[in-house]
Amino acid sequence: MLEIKDLRVHYGKVEAIKGISLKVADGDVVTLLGANGAGKTTILRTISGLIRPSSGEVWFNNQRIDKLNAPAIVKMGIGHVPEARRVFPDMSVEDNLIMGAYIRNDKEGIKKDLEELFVHFPILKQRKTQKAGSLSGGEQQMLAMARALMCNPKIVLMDEPSVGLSPVMEEEIAKVIRTINARGISVLLVEQNAAMALNLANRGYVLEIGRIVLSGERDELANNEAVKKAYLGG
């Protein structure tokens, strides 16, 4: 479904991504593990068209997308849950969700999907008239995830969905990711909580300073001594 080939990204003269290649198959949950500054967010933003690569290619459903703008990429079926949630704080919860469907013209379909999301996210239904900025951190994260689903994505890019949340809310976010994937939507997950990420993922990649240093199936990574020492507390 999604393939990155020899991707390189620069910020000025600094090379942030140094020739990485990765794949996300249809229906997969794939995680990117790495310390802060490893380049995980840059990869997601490049896939979404928010950053232009210096070289390399990004392919989605057999179409090259690295030269497209962000709205065109969303229309193709790539949703993005950004780092730090980035909800519209002065808009209502319901209006935030409707903003997620800005590329769509099917009013009846939007209405149906909105009601379906309220079933999956009952707390958002309870809060639908509240300003998004008044929600708790966990509720805002759920809103950001639900908003991404309103564009009818085939894959969702998730950037640190559990950061700053309580253990109880982390488990709620994990349940949401499982629910999204059960609907047939692929997920590319960036997550500091490596244990949670590997529990959710089929496969993963480990990044260090812009390079992939390790990749493999979930169990292979979870049992790797270097991964256990660096990300799983030994």
C-alpha atoms as a PDB file:
ATOM      1  CA  MET A   1       0.000   0.000   0.000  1.00  0.00           C
ATOM      2  CA  LEU A   2       2.647   2.529   1.093  1.00  0.00           C
ATOM      3  CA  GLU A   3       6.294   2.336   0.090  1.00  0.00           C
ATOM      4  CA  ILE A   4       9.196   4.698   0.702  1.00  0.00           C
ATOM      5  CA  LYS A   5      12.293   4.265  -1.458  1.00  0.00           C
ATOM      6  CA  ASP A   6      15.707   5.698  -0.502  1.00  0.00           C
ATOM      7  CA  LEU A   7      14.163   8.815   1.063  1.00  0.00           C
ATOM      8  CA  ARG A   8      16.360  11.752   1.999  1.00  0.00           C
ATOM      9  CA  VAL A   9      15.136  14.938   3.679  1.00  0.00           C
ATOM     10  CA  HIS A  10      17.107  18.048   4.583  1.00  0.00           C
ATOM     11  CA  TYR A  11      16.453  20.975   6.889  1.00  0.00           C
ATOM     12  CA  GLY A  12      18.780  23.492   5.323  1.00  0.00           C
ATOM     13  CA  LYS A  13      22.187  21.822   5.176  1.00  0.00           C
ATOM     14  CA  VAL A  14      21.294  19.246   7.822  1.00  0.00           C
ATOM     15  CA  GLU A  15      20.263  15.826   6.477  1.00  0.00           C
ATOM     16  CA  ALA A  16      17.476  14.623   8.768  1.00  0.00           C
ATOM     17  CA  ILE A  17      16.507  11.478   6.831  1.00  0.00           C
ATOM     18  CA  LYS A  18      19.397   9.567   5.294  1.00  0.00           C
ATOM     19  CA  GLY A  19      18.210   7.215   2.590  1.00  0.00           C
ATOM     20  CA  ILE A  20      15.531   5.142   4.299  1.00  0.00           C
ATOM     21  CA  SER A  21      13.198   2.605   2.695  1.00  0.00           C
ATOM     22  CA  LEU A  22      10.116   1.063   4.306  1.00  0.00           C
ATOM     23  CA  LYS A  23       6.773  -0.520   3.458  1.00  0.00           C
ATOM     24  CA  VAL A  24       3.293  -0.659   4.965  1.00  0.00           C
ATOM     25  CA  ALA A  25       1.111  -3.419   3.494  1.00  0.00           C
ATOM     26  CA  ASP A  26      -2.665  -3.285   3.229  1.00  0.00           C
ATOM     27  CA  GLY A  27      -4.168  -3.916   6.678  1.00  0.00           C
ATOM     28  CA  ASP A  28      -0.858  -3.665   8.542  1.00  0.00           C
ATOM     29  CA  VAL A  29       0.016  -1.752  11.686  1.00  0.00           C
ATOM     30  CA  VAL A  30       3.667  -0.744  11.350  1.00  0.00           C
ATOM     31  CA  THR A  31       5.545   1.161  14.046  1.00  0.00           C
ATOM     32  CA  LEU A  32       8.540   3.469  13.859  1.00  0.00           C
ATOM     33  CA  LEU A  33      10.653   3.353  17.013  1.00  0.00           C
ATOM     34  CA  GLY A  34      13.429   5.729  17.892  1.00  0.00           C
ATOM     35  CA  ALA A  35      14.616   8.409  20.275  1.00  0.00           C
ATOM     36  CA  ASN A  36      13.608  12.050  19.978  1.00  0.00           C
ATOM     37  CA  GLY A  37      15.328  13.545  16.944  1.00  0.00           C
ATOM     38  CA  ALA A  38      15.612  10.225  15.107  1.00  0.00           C
ATOM     39  CA  GLY A  39      13.450  11.533  12.247  1.00  0.00           C
ATOM     40  CA  LYS A  40      10.139   9.794  12.893  1.00  0.00           C
ATOM     41  CA  THR A  41       7.935  12.897  12.667  1.00  0.00           C
ATOM     42  CA  THR A  42       9.828  14.084   9.584  1.00  0.00           C
ATOM     43  CA  ILE A  43       8.991  10.821   7.819  1.00  0.00           C
ATOM     44  CA  LEU A  44       5.272  11.188   8.540  1.00  0.00           C
ATOM     45  CA  ARG A  45       5.238  14.836   7.474  1.00  0.00           C
ATOM     46  CA  THR A  46       7.034  13.942   4.244  1.00  0.00           C
ATOM     47  CA  ILE A  47       4.508  11.212   3.435  1.00  0.00           C
ATOM     48  CA  SER A  48       1.695  13.729   4.024  1.00  0.00           C
ATOM     49  CA  GLY A  49       3.212  16.303   1.687  1.00  0.00           C
ATOM     50  CA  LEU A  50       4.003  18.797   4.443  1.00  0.00           C
ATOM     51  CA  ILE A  51       7.745  18.469   3.759  1.00  0.00           C
ATOM     52  CA  ARG A  52       9.394  18.004   0.372  1.00  0.00           C
ATOM     53  CA  PRO A  53      12.047  15.291   0.195  1.00  0.00           C
ATOM     54  CA  SER A  54      15.490  16.112  -1.149  1.00  0.00           C
ATOM     55  CA  SER A  55      15.501  12.825  -3.056  1.00  0.00           C
ATOM     56  CA  GLY A  56      13.896   9.404  -3.073  1.00  0.00           C
ATOM     57  CA  GLU A  57      10.314   8.368  -3.714  1.00  0.00           C
ATOM     58  CA  VAL A  58       7.048   7.871  -1.832  1.00  0.00           C
ATOM     59  CA  TRP A  59       4.471   5.540  -3.419  1.00  0.00           C
ATOM     60  CA  PHE A  60       0.885   4.941  -2.357  1.00  0.00           C
ATOM     61  CA  ASN A  61      -1.390   2.409  -4.071  1.00  0.00           C
ATOM     62  CA  ASN A  62       1.000   2.226  -7.027  1.00  0.00           C
ATOM     63  CA  GLN A  63       1.077   6.004  -7.501  1.00  0.00           C
ATOM     64  CA  ARG A  64       4.049   8.220  -6.768  1.00  0.00           C
ATOM     65  CA  ILE A  65       2.995  10.970  -4.342  1.00  0.00           C
ATOM     66  CA  ASP A  66       6.168  12.751  -3.196  1.00  0.00           C
ATOM     67  CA  LYS A  67       5.578  15.635  -5.618  1.00  0.00           C
ATOM     68  CA  LEU A  68       1.905  16.132  -4.650  1.00  0.00           C
ATOM     69  CA  ASN A  69       0.617  18.725  -2.198  1.00  0.00           C
ATOM     70  CA  ALA A  70      -0.974  17.826   1.126  1.00  0.00           C
ATOM     71  CA  PRO A  71      -4.661  18.199   0.075  1.00  0.00           C
ATOM     72  CA  ALA A  72      -4.121  15.896  -2.913  1.00  0.00           C
ATOM     73  CA  ILE A  73      -2.492  13.311  -0.658  1.00  0.00           C
ATOM     74  CA  VAL A  74      -5.406  13.439   1.784  1.00  0.00           C
ATOM     75  CA  LYS A  75      -7.817  12.916  -1.109  1.00  0.00           C
ATOM     76  CA  MET A  76      -5.924   9.768  -2.062  1.00  0.00           C
ATOM     77  CA  GLY A  77      -6.696   8.277   1.346  1.00  0.00           C
ATOM     78  CA  ILE A  78      -3.875   9.209   3.724  1.00  0.00           C
ATOM     79  CA  GLY A  79      -5.022  10.585   7.083  1.00  0.00           C
ATOM     80  CA  HIS A  80      -2.618  12.172   9.565  1.00  0.00           C
ATOM     81  CA  VAL A  81      -2.951  12.476  13.344  1.00  0.00           C
ATOM     82  CA  PRO A  82      -0.244  15.060  14.061  1.00  0.00           C
ATOM     83  CA  GLU A  83       2.115  15.347  16.985  1.00  0.00           C
ATOM     84  CA  ALA A  84       0.606  17.300  19.911  1.00  0.00           C
ATOM     85  CA  ARG A  85      -2.930  16.654  18.568  1.00  0.00           C
ATOM     86  CA  ARG A  86      -3.352  20.075  16.874  1.00  0.00           C
ATOM     87  CA  VAL A  87      -7.118  20.346  17.287  1.00  0.00           C
ATOM     88  CA  PHE A  88      -8.835  23.663  16.504  1.00  0.00           C
ATOM     89  CA  PRO A  89      -9.278  24.838  20.120  1.00  0.00           C
ATOM     90  CA  ASP A  90     -11.896  27.546  19.547  1.00  0.00           C
ATOM     91  CA  MET A  91     -14.126  25.360  17.370  1.00  0.00           C
ATOM     92  CA  SER A  92     -16.604  22.848  18.740  1.00  0.00           C
ATOM     93  CA  VAL A  93     -15.835  19.156  18.826  1.00  0.00           C
ATOM     94  CA  GLU A  94     -18.402  18.538  16.090  1.00  0.00           C
ATOM     95  CA  ASP A  95     -16.969  21.276  13.863  1.00  0.00           C
ATOM     96  CA  ASN A  96     -13.471  19.830  14.330  1.00  0.00           C
ATOM     97  CA  LEU A  97     -14.774  16.502  13.049  1.00  0.00           C
ATOM     98  CA  ILE A  98     -16.516  18.121  10.094  1.00  0.00           C
ATOM     99  CA  MET A  99     -13.238  19.881   9.233  1.00  0.00           C
ATOM    100  CA  GLY A 100     -11.727  16.413   8.840  1.00  0.00           C
ATOM    101  CA  ALA A 101     -14.141  15.866   5.929  1.00  0.00           C
ATOM    102  CA  TYR A 102     -13.298  19.125   4.129  1.00  0.00           C
ATOM    103  CA  ILE A 103     -12.193  17.258   0.991  1.00  0.00           C
ATOM    104  CA  ARG A 104     -15.532  15.431   0.699  1.00  0.00           C
ATOM    105  CA  ASN A 105     -18.712  16.509  -1.083  1.00  0.00           C
ATOM    106  CA  ASP A 106     -21.039  13.687   0.009  1.00  0.00           C
ATOM    107  CA  LYS A 107     -23.138  15.378   2.695  1.00  0.00           C
ATOM    108  CA  GLU A 108     -25.121  12.266   3.520  1.00  0.00           C
ATOM    109  CA  GLY A 109     -21.956  10.193   3.778  1.00  0.00           C
ATOM    110  CA  ILE A 110     -20.367  12.782   6.068  1.00  0.00           C
ATOM    111  CA  LYS A 111     -23.437  12.788   8.295  1.00  0.00           C
ATOM    112  CA  LYS A 112     -23.435   8.980   8.444  1.00  0.00           C
ATOM    113  CA  ASP A 113     -19.718   8.792   9.252  1.00  0.00           C
ATOM    114  CA  LEU A 114     -20.105  11.455  11.935  1.00  0.00           C
ATOM    115  CA  GLU A 115     -22.838   9.465  13.656  1.00  0.00           C
ATOM    116  CA  GLU A 116     -20.757   6.289  13.391  1.00  0.00           C
ATOM    117  CA  LEU A 117     -17.795   8.031  14.992  1.00  0.00           C
ATOM    118  CA  PHE A 118     -19.997   9.191  17.840  1.00  0.00           C
ATOM    119  CA  VAL A 119     -20.828   5.520  18.456  1.00  0.00           C
ATOM    120  CA  HIS A 120     -17.122   4.625  18.610  1.00  0.00           C
ATOM    121  CA  PHE A 121     -16.220   7.770  20.580  1.00  0.00           C
ATOM    122  CA  PRO A 122     -19.150   8.322  22.968  1.00  0.00           C
ATOM    123  CA  ILE A 123     -17.209  10.908  24.968  1.00  0.00           C
ATOM    124  CA  LEU A 124     -16.991  13.066  21.837  1.00  0.00           C
ATOM    125  CA  LYS A 125     -20.750  12.848  21.389  1.00  0.00           C
ATOM    126  CA  GLN A 126     -21.206  14.013  24.971  1.00  0.00           C
ATOM    127  CA  ARG A 127     -18.806  16.902  24.314  1.00  0.00           C
ATOM    128  CA  LYS A 128     -19.812  17.705  20.725  1.00  0.00           C
ATOM    129  CA  THR A 129     -20.922  21.296  21.432  1.00  0.00           C
ATOM    130  CA  GLN A 130     -17.923  22.090  23.661  1.00  0.00           C
ATOM    131  CA  LYS A 131     -14.889  23.922  22.378  1.00  0.00           C
ATOM    132  CA  ALA A 132     -12.134  21.450  21.558  1.00  0.00           C
ATOM    133  CA  GLY A 133      -9.680  23.421  23.693  1.00  0.00           C
ATOM    134  CA  SER A 134     -11.740  22.639  26.798  1.00  0.00           C
ATOM    135  CA  LEU A 135     -11.233  18.867  26.465  1.00  0.00           C
ATOM    136  CA  SER A 136      -8.701  16.897  28.455  1.00  0.00           C
ATOM    137  CA  GLY A 137      -5.502  15.770  26.742  1.00  0.00           C
ATOM    138  CA  GLY A 138      -6.861  12.268  26.199  1.00  0.00           C
ATOM    139  CA  GLU A 139     -10.150  13.575  24.825  1.00  0.00           C
ATOM    140  CA  GLN A 140      -8.288  15.880  22.441  1.00  0.00           C
ATOM    141  CA  GLN A 141      -6.245  12.907  21.241  1.00  0.00           C
ATOM    142  CA  MET A 142      -9.426  10.952  20.549  1.00  0.00           C
ATOM    143  CA  LEU A 143     -10.778  13.973  18.677  1.00  0.00           C
ATOM    144  CA  ALA A 144      -7.629  14.207  16.546  1.00  0.00           C
ATOM    145  CA  MET A 145      -7.879  10.504  15.698  1.00  0.00           C
ATOM    146  CA  ALA A 146     -11.596  10.710  14.906  1.00  0.00           C
ATOM    147  CA  ARG A 147     -11.024  13.825  12.779  1.00  0.00           C
ATOM    148  CA  ALA A 148      -8.476  11.921  10.664  1.00  0.00           C
ATOM    149  CA  LEU A 149     -11.050   9.184  10.058  1.00  0.00           C
ATOM    150  CA  MET A 150     -13.531  11.678   8.612  1.00  0.00           C
ATOM    151  CA  CYS A 151     -11.532  11.857   5.364  1.00  0.00           C
ATOM    152  CA  ASN A 152     -12.237   8.142   4.729  1.00  0.00           C
ATOM    153  CA  PRO A 153      -8.560   7.155   4.844  1.00  0.00           C
ATOM    154  CA  LYS A 154      -7.031   3.909   3.667  1.00  0.00           C
ATOM    155  CA  ILE A 155      -4.078   4.495   5.976  1.00  0.00           C
ATOM    156  CA  VAL A 156      -3.635   6.714   9.043  1.00  0.00           C
ATOM    157  CA  LEU A 157      -0.298   8.155  10.115  1.00  0.00           C
ATOM    158  CA  MET A 158      -0.220   8.572  13.913  1.00  0.00           C
ATOM    159  CA  ASP A 159       2.428  10.684  15.600  1.00  0.00           C
ATOM    160  CA  GLU A 160       2.894   9.992  19.328  1.00  0.00           C
ATOM    161  CA  PRO A 161      -0.796   9.408  20.161  1.00  0.00           C
ATOM    162  CA  SER A 162      -0.122   8.437  23.800  1.00  0.00           C
ATOM    163  CA  VAL A 163       2.370  11.156  24.729  1.00  0.00           C
ATOM    164  CA  GLY A 164       1.533  12.934  27.973  1.00  0.00           C
ATOM    165  CA  LEU A 165      -1.418  10.688  28.777  1.00  0.00           C
ATOM    166  CA  SER A 166      -2.144   8.617  31.872  1.00  0.00           C
ATOM    167  CA  PRO A 167      -1.709   4.808  31.700  1.00  0.00           C
ATOM    168  CA  VAL A 168      -5.498   4.414  31.698  1.00  0.00           C
ATOM    169  CA  MET A 169      -5.883   6.811  28.765  1.00  0.00           C
ATOM    170  CA  GLU A 170      -2.954   5.154  26.965  1.00  0.00           C
ATOM    171  CA  GLU A 171      -4.923   1.900  27.007  1.00  0.00           C
ATOM    172  CA  GLU A 172      -7.986   3.714  25.643  1.00  0.00           C
ATOM    173  CA  ILE A 173      -5.897   5.094  22.784  1.00  0.00           C
ATOM    174  CA  ALA A 174      -4.539   1.587  22.094  1.00  0.00           C
ATOM    175  CA  LYS A 175      -8.114   0.298  21.885  1.00  0.00           C
ATOM    176  CA  VAL A 176      -8.960   3.018  19.382  1.00  0.00           C
ATOM    177  CA  ILE A 177      -5.987   2.049  17.204  1.00  0.00           C
ATOM    178  CA  ARG A 178      -7.096  -1.596  17.274  1.00  0.00           C
ATOM    179  CA  THR A 179     -10.628  -0.522  16.300  1.00  0.00           C
ATOM    180  CA  ILE A 180      -9.334   1.587  13.410  1.00  0.00           C
ATOM    181  CA  ASN A 181      -7.229  -1.296  12.125  1.00  0.00           C
ATOM    182  CA  ALA A 182     -10.147  -3.743  12.517  1.00  0.00           C
ATOM    183  CA  ARG A 183     -12.066  -1.545  10.060  1.00  0.00           C
ATOM    184  CA  GLY A 184      -9.440  -2.423   7.436  1.00  0.00           C
ATOM    185  CA  ILE A 185      -7.439   0.793   7.781  1.00  0.00           C
ATOM    186  CA  SER A 186      -3.661   0.479   7.824  1.00  0.00           C
ATOM    187  CA  VAL A 187      -1.705   2.398  10.473  1.00  0.00           C
ATOM    188  CA  LEU A 188       1.834   3.794  10.481  1.00  0.00           C
ATOM    189  CA  LEU A 189       2.480   4.489  14.151  1.00  0.00           C
ATOM    190  CA  VAL A 190       5.158   6.664  15.725  1.00  0.00           C
ATOM    191  CA  GLU A 191       5.141   6.029  19.455  1.00  0.00           C
ATOM    192  CA  GLN A 192       7.546   6.633  22.355  1.00  0.00           C
ATOM    193  CA  ASN A 193       5.815   3.888  24.349  1.00  0.00           C
ATOM    194  CA  ALA A 194       7.629   1.061  22.574  1.00  0.00           C
ATOM    195  CA  ALA A 195       5.894  -1.686  24.542  1.00  0.00           C
ATOM    196  CA  MET A 196       2.480  -0.401  23.492  1.00  0.00           C
ATOM    197  CA  ALA A 197       3.620   0.129  19.907  1.00  0.00           C
ATOM    198  CA  LEU A 198       5.014  -3.393  19.545  1.00  0.00           C
ATOM    199  CA  ASN A 199       1.892  -4.854  21.122  1.00  0.00           C
ATOM    200  CA  LEU A 200      -0.208  -3.148  18.449  1.00  0.00           C
ATOM    201  CA  ALA A 201       2.054  -3.572  15.430  1.00  0.00           C
ATOM    202  CA  ASN A 202       2.614  -6.392  12.966  1.00  0.00           C
ATOM    203  CA  ARG A 203       6.053  -5.087  12.042  1.00  0.00           C
ATOM    204  CA  GLY A 204       8.400  -2.285  12.957  1.00  0.00           C
ATOM    205  CA  TYR A 205      11.452  -0.230  12.072  1.00  0.00           C
ATOM    206  CA  VAL A 206      14.017   1.224  14.471  1.00  0.00           C
ATOM    207  CA  LEU A 207      15.484   4.619  13.550  1.00  0.00           C
ATOM    208  CA  GLU A 208      18.672   6.216  14.793  1.00  0.00           C
ATOM    209  CA  ILE A 209      19.597   9.709  13.611  1.00  0.00           C
ATOM    210  CA  GLY A 210      17.761   9.459  10.311  1.00  0.00           C
ATOM    211  CA  ARG A 211      18.707   5.891   9.453  1.00  0.00           C
ATOM    212  CA  ILE A 212      16.885   2.572   9.813  1.00  0.00           C
ATOM    213  CA  VAL A 213      19.157   0.363  11.877  1.00  0.00           C
ATOM    214  CA  LEU A 214      16.786  -2.537  12.472  1.00  0.00           C
ATOM    215  CA  SER A 215      13.514  -3.866  11.098  1.00  0.00           C
ATOM    216  CA  GLY A 216      11.424  -6.964  11.499  1.00  0.00           C
ATOM    217  CA  GLU A 217       8.252  -8.623  12.681  1.00  0.00           C
ATOM    218  CA  ARG A 218       6.816  -7.614  16.060  1.00  0.00           C
ATOM    219  CA  ASP A 219       8.089 -10.624  18.008  1.00  0.00           C
ATOM    220  CA  GLU A 220      11.499 -10.407  16.395  1.00  0.00           C
ATOM    221  CA  LEU A 221      11.907  -6.789  17.532  1.00  0.00           C
ATOM    222  CA  ALA A 222      10.380  -7.375  20.972  1.00  0.00           C
ATOM    223  CA  ASN A 223      12.893 -10.161  21.626  1.00  0.00           C
ATOM    224  CA  ASN A 224      15.887  -8.288  20.228  1.00  0.00           C
ATOM    225  CA  GLU A 225      18.356  -7.544  23.041  1.00  0.00           C
ATOM    226  CA  ALA A 226      19.250  -4.093  21.702  1.00  0.00           C
ATOM    227  CA  VAL A 227      15.575  -3.117  21.411  1.00  0.00           C
ATOM    228  CA  LYS A 228      14.829  -4.457  24.891  1.00  0.00           C
ATOM    229  CA  LYS A 229      17.716  -2.503  26.375  1.00  0.00           C
ATOM    230  CA  ALA A 230      17.009   0.753  24.558  1.00  0.00           C
ATOM    231  CA  TYR A 231      13.196   0.846  24.495  1.00  0.00           C
ATOM    232  CA  LEU A 232      11.692  -1.822  26.745  1.00  0.00           C
ATOM    233  CA  GLY A 233      13.540  -1.257  30.009  1.00  0.00           C
ATOM    234  CA  GLY A 234      15.902  -4.186  29.605  1.00  0.00           C
END
